[in-house]
């Protein structure tokens, strides 16, 4: 190989090495600018979303069983909460996953509304049908969440958590139908405690799965 050719080859190797180095640096530059979220703020925001879920569900139950004029507005606010929860997971699992969770949660609410209406009308056939679909939807929500984060949201635990939420909500509705106000209040207290545990399970799971996204 003559000197000119050797010099040309050296230049080519030098340029290739530079390009490789630049390419290898891109992910590092990108990752250093990845937005991070404060862990405590995320934890508290998740709790707020699920507290809103049980609060507006309770207000809907009160309005629906008493046929109050605010039932429509309360229902609208309750359904918005389901969109808020779905939107909360989009930064981690994507828009399609967030929309899917919103759809499942809205089905959870609309089926619960059918159940409350049937209970108020003392229509056992409709009540049983709505109950069956309500629990099937709860299992579907659990399966969906577990599929997104199986390590931290095991399917069995998620199903148990969702079914407990439904059981406690049912107890709340029954207590109000029977005008047992002490039992009604006690049921809501248990619902509130349980939903905070569920919110913490969800936020802890996301923070563990996407540890580099939190500070």
Protein backbone atom coordinates (compact mmCIF):
# COMPACT_ATOMS: atom_id res chain seq x y z
CA UNK A 1 0.00 0.00 0.00
CA UNK A 2 1.51 3.40 -0.97
CA UNK A 3 1.68 6.42 1.34
CA UNK A 4 -1.23 8.25 -0.30
CA UNK A 5 -3.55 5.29 0.01
CA UNK A 6 -2.50 4.67 3.60
CA UNK A 7 -3.20 8.31 4.52
CA UNK A 8 -6.61 8.12 2.83
CA UNK A 9 -7.47 4.97 4.77
CA UNK A 10 -6.43 6.61 8.03
CA UNK A 11 -8.75 9.55 7.30
CA UNK A 12 -11.63 7.18 6.54
CA UNK A 13 -11.03 5.21 9.75
CA UNK A 14 -10.85 8.45 11.70
CA UNK A 15 -14.17 9.66 10.29
CA UNK A 16 -15.84 6.31 10.94
CA UNK A 17 -14.59 6.33 14.54
CA UNK A 18 -15.94 9.85 15.02
CA UNK A 19 -19.34 8.89 13.62
CA UNK A 20 -19.52 5.81 15.85
CA UNK A 21 -18.62 7.89 18.88
CA UNK A 22 -21.30 10.43 18.04
CA UNK A 23 -23.91 7.70 17.58
CA UNK A 24 -23.01 6.12 20.88
CA UNK A 25 -23.35 9.48 22.59
CA UNK A 26 -26.91 10.13 21.35
CA UNK A 27 -28.70 7.88 23.85
CA UNK A 28 -26.70 9.38 26.70
CA UNK A 29 -27.63 12.91 25.67
CA UNK A 30 -31.28 11.90 25.27
CA UNK A 31 -31.47 10.06 28.60
CA UNK A 32 -29.91 12.97 30.46
CA UNK A 33 -32.81 15.12 29.28
CA UNK A 34 -35.56 12.58 30.11
CA UNK A 35 -38.16 14.37 32.27
CA UNK A 36 -38.19 13.17 35.86
CA UNK A 37 -41.05 13.26 38.35
CA UNK A 38 -40.90 13.79 42.08
CA UNK A 39 -41.79 10.50 43.77
CA UNK A 40 -43.85 12.03 46.59
CA UNK A 41 -45.79 14.26 44.21
CA UNK A 42 -46.61 11.29 41.98
CA UNK A 43 -47.63 9.19 45.00
CA UNK A 44 -49.95 11.93 46.26
CA UNK A 45 -51.41 12.61 42.81
CA UNK A 46 -52.30 8.94 42.38
CA UNK A 47 -53.99 8.94 45.78
CA UNK A 48 -55.98 12.04 44.82
CA UNK A 49 -57.23 10.39 41.63
CA UNK A 50 -58.50 7.30 43.43
CA UNK A 51 -59.90 9.29 46.35
CA UNK A 52 -61.87 11.24 43.74
CA UNK A 53 -63.01 7.89 42.34
CA UNK A 54 -64.60 6.71 45.58
CA UNK A 55 -65.82 10.18 46.59
CA UNK A 56 -67.69 10.84 43.36
CA UNK A 57 -68.94 7.25 43.30
CA UNK A 58 -70.44 7.79 46.75
CA UNK A 59 -72.01 11.08 45.71
CA UNK A 60 -73.47 9.36 42.66
CA UNK A 61 -74.94 6.58 44.83
CA UNK A 62 -76.51 9.16 47.14
CA UNK A 63 -77.96 11.12 44.22
CA UNK A 64 -79.15 8.07 42.26
CA UNK A 65 -80.86 6.32 45.18
CA UNK A 66 -82.63 9.54 46.19
CA UNK A 67 -83.24 10.58 42.56
CA UNK A 68 -81.73 14.02 43.22
CA UNK A 69 -81.53 16.70 40.54
CA UNK A 70 -77.73 16.74 40.67
CA UNK A 71 -77.45 13.14 39.47
CA UNK A 72 -76.55 14.11 35.89
CA UNK A 73 -73.84 16.57 36.91
CA UNK A 74 -72.45 14.13 39.46
CA UNK A 75 -72.35 11.35 36.87
CA UNK A 76 -70.49 13.60 34.43
CA UNK A 77 -67.88 14.46 37.06
CA UNK A 78 -67.49 10.81 38.01
CA UNK A 79 -66.90 9.79 34.40
CA UNK A 80 -64.31 12.56 34.02
CA UNK A 81 -62.37 10.96 36.86
CA UNK A 82 -62.04 7.78 34.83
CA UNK A 83 -60.48 9.78 32.00
CA UNK A 84 -58.13 11.43 34.50
CA UNK A 85 -56.95 8.04 35.75
CA UNK A 86 -56.40 6.78 32.21
CA UNK A 87 -54.46 9.92 31.32
CA UNK A 88 -52.24 9.44 34.38
CA UNK A 89 -50.71 6.24 33.00
CA UNK A 90 -50.20 7.50 29.43
CA UNK A 91 -46.71 8.93 30.07
CA UNK A 92 -45.58 5.42 31.05
CA UNK A 93 -47.64 2.95 29.02
CA UNK A 94 -48.72 5.06 26.05
CA UNK A 95 -51.93 6.66 24.79
CA UNK A 96 -53.57 3.40 23.70
CA UNK A 97 -53.11 1.85 27.15
CA UNK A 98 -54.44 4.98 28.86
CA UNK A 99 -57.50 5.05 26.61
CA UNK A 100 -58.09 1.35 27.24
CA UNK A 101 -57.99 1.84 31.02
CA UNK A 102 -60.37 4.80 30.72
CA UNK A 103 -62.82 2.68 28.70
CA UNK A 104 -62.68 -0.16 31.23
CA UNK A 105 -63.20 2.22 34.15
CA UNK A 106 -66.11 3.95 32.44
CA UNK A 107 -67.69 0.53 31.93
CA UNK A 108 -67.08 -0.06 35.65
CA UNK A 109 -69.05 3.10 36.44
CA UNK A 110 -71.90 2.66 33.96
CA UNK A 111 -72.44 -0.94 35.04
CA UNK A 112 -72.46 0.18 38.68
CA UNK A 113 -75.11 2.74 37.73
CA UNK A 114 -77.25 -0.05 36.24
CA UNK A 115 -76.79 -2.03 39.43
CA UNK A 116 -77.84 0.90 41.62
CA UNK A 117 -80.91 1.55 39.46
CA UNK A 118 -81.93 -2.10 39.60
CA UNK A 119 -81.44 -2.21 43.37
CA UNK A 120 -83.54 0.93 43.80
CA UNK A 121 -86.31 -0.62 41.67
CA UNK A 122 -85.96 -3.96 43.51
CA UNK A 123 -85.51 -5.69 40.15
CA UNK A 124 -83.53 -8.78 41.13
CA UNK A 125 -83.06 -10.12 37.60
CA UNK A 126 -81.48 -6.89 36.35
CA UNK A 127 -79.53 -6.56 39.57
CA UNK A 128 -78.03 -10.04 39.20
CA UNK A 129 -77.17 -9.43 35.54
CA UNK A 130 -75.47 -6.10 36.31
CA UNK A 131 -73.59 -7.65 39.23
CA UNK A 132 -72.24 -10.45 37.05
CA UNK A 133 -71.03 -7.98 34.40
CA UNK A 134 -69.62 -5.65 37.06
CA UNK A 135 -67.38 -8.35 38.53
CA UNK A 136 -66.33 -9.55 35.08
CA UNK A 137 -65.28 -6.00 34.25
CA UNK A 138 -63.32 -5.79 37.52
CA UNK A 139 -61.40 -8.92 36.56
CA UNK A 140 -60.73 -7.44 33.13
CA UNK A 141 -59.31 -4.28 34.71
CA UNK A 142 -57.11 -6.40 36.98
CA UNK A 143 -55.88 -8.47 34.03
CA UNK A 144 -55.14 -5.36 31.98
CA UNK A 145 -53.11 -3.75 34.79
CA UNK A 146 -51.25 -6.96 35.57
CA UNK A 147 -50.35 -7.33 31.91
CA UNK A 148 -48.79 -3.86 31.94
CA UNK A 149 -46.69 -4.50 35.05
CA UNK A 150 -46.77 -8.21 35.99
CA UNK A 151 -43.82 -8.03 38.40
CA UNK A 152 -45.33 -5.40 40.66
CA UNK A 153 -49.05 -5.92 39.93
CA UNK A 154 -49.57 -9.71 40.08
CA UNK A 155 -52.87 -10.79 38.55
CA UNK A 156 -54.09 -12.49 41.72
CA UNK A 157 -53.44 -9.43 43.88
CA UNK A 158 -55.02 -7.08 41.37
CA UNK A 159 -58.17 -9.23 41.13
CA UNK A 160 -58.41 -9.40 44.91
CA UNK A 161 -57.98 -5.63 45.18
CA UNK A 162 -60.64 -4.89 42.55
CA UNK A 163 -63.14 -7.39 43.96
CA UNK A 164 -62.69 -6.00 47.45
CA UNK A 165 -63.46 -2.54 46.08
CA UNK A 166 -66.69 -3.87 44.56
CA UNK A 167 -67.67 -5.75 47.71
CA UNK A 168 -67.24 -2.66 49.86
CA UNK A 169 -69.15 -0.46 47.40
CA UNK A 170 -71.99 -3.00 47.38
CA UNK A 171 -72.12 -2.86 51.18
CA UNK A 172 -72.35 0.92 50.97
CA UNK A 173 -75.29 0.77 48.53
CA UNK A 174 -77.13 -1.84 50.62
CA UNK A 175 -76.69 0.22 53.79
CA UNK A 176 -78.16 3.32 52.12
CA UNK A 177 -81.08 1.34 50.71
CA UNK A 178 -81.83 0.12 54.23
CA UNK A 179 -81.37 3.62 55.70
CA UNK A 180 -78.71 2.19 57.99
CA UNK A 181 -76.67 5.36 58.19
CA UNK A 182 -74.12 4.04 60.67
CA UNK A 183 -73.35 1.09 58.40
CA UNK A 184 -73.33 3.41 55.38
CA UNK A 185 -70.69 5.65 56.96
CA UNK A 186 -68.66 2.68 58.15
CA UNK A 187 -68.72 1.20 54.65
CA UNK A 188 -67.41 4.39 53.12
CA UNK A 189 -64.62 4.58 55.71
CA UNK A 190 -63.52 1.08 54.68
CA UNK A 191 -63.79 2.01 50.99
CA UNK A 192 -61.57 5.04 51.56
CA UNK A 193 -58.92 3.05 53.41
CA UNK A 194 -58.91 0.30 50.80
CA UNK A 195 -58.65 2.61 47.81
CA UNK A 196 -55.60 4.33 49.30
CA UNK A 197 -53.87 0.95 49.52
CA UNK A 198 -54.77 0.31 45.89
CA UNK A 199 -53.50 3.74 44.82
CA UNK A 200 -50.22 3.11 46.64
CA UNK A 201 -49.85 -0.28 44.98
CA UNK A 202 -50.28 1.37 41.58
CA UNK A 203 -47.92 4.29 42.20
CA UNK A 204 -45.28 2.05 43.82
CA UNK A 205 -45.47 -0.32 40.86
CA UNK A 206 -45.00 2.45 38.30
CA UNK A 207 -42.11 4.00 40.22
CA UNK A 208 -40.39 0.62 40.50
CA UNK A 209 -40.93 -0.24 36.83
CA UNK A 210 -39.79 3.20 35.61
CA UNK A 211 -37.24 4.03 38.29
CA UNK A 212 -35.20 6.26 35.97
CA UNK A 213 -38.23 8.52 35.51
CA UNK A 214 -38.42 9.51 39.16
CA UNK A 215 -36.33 11.48 41.61
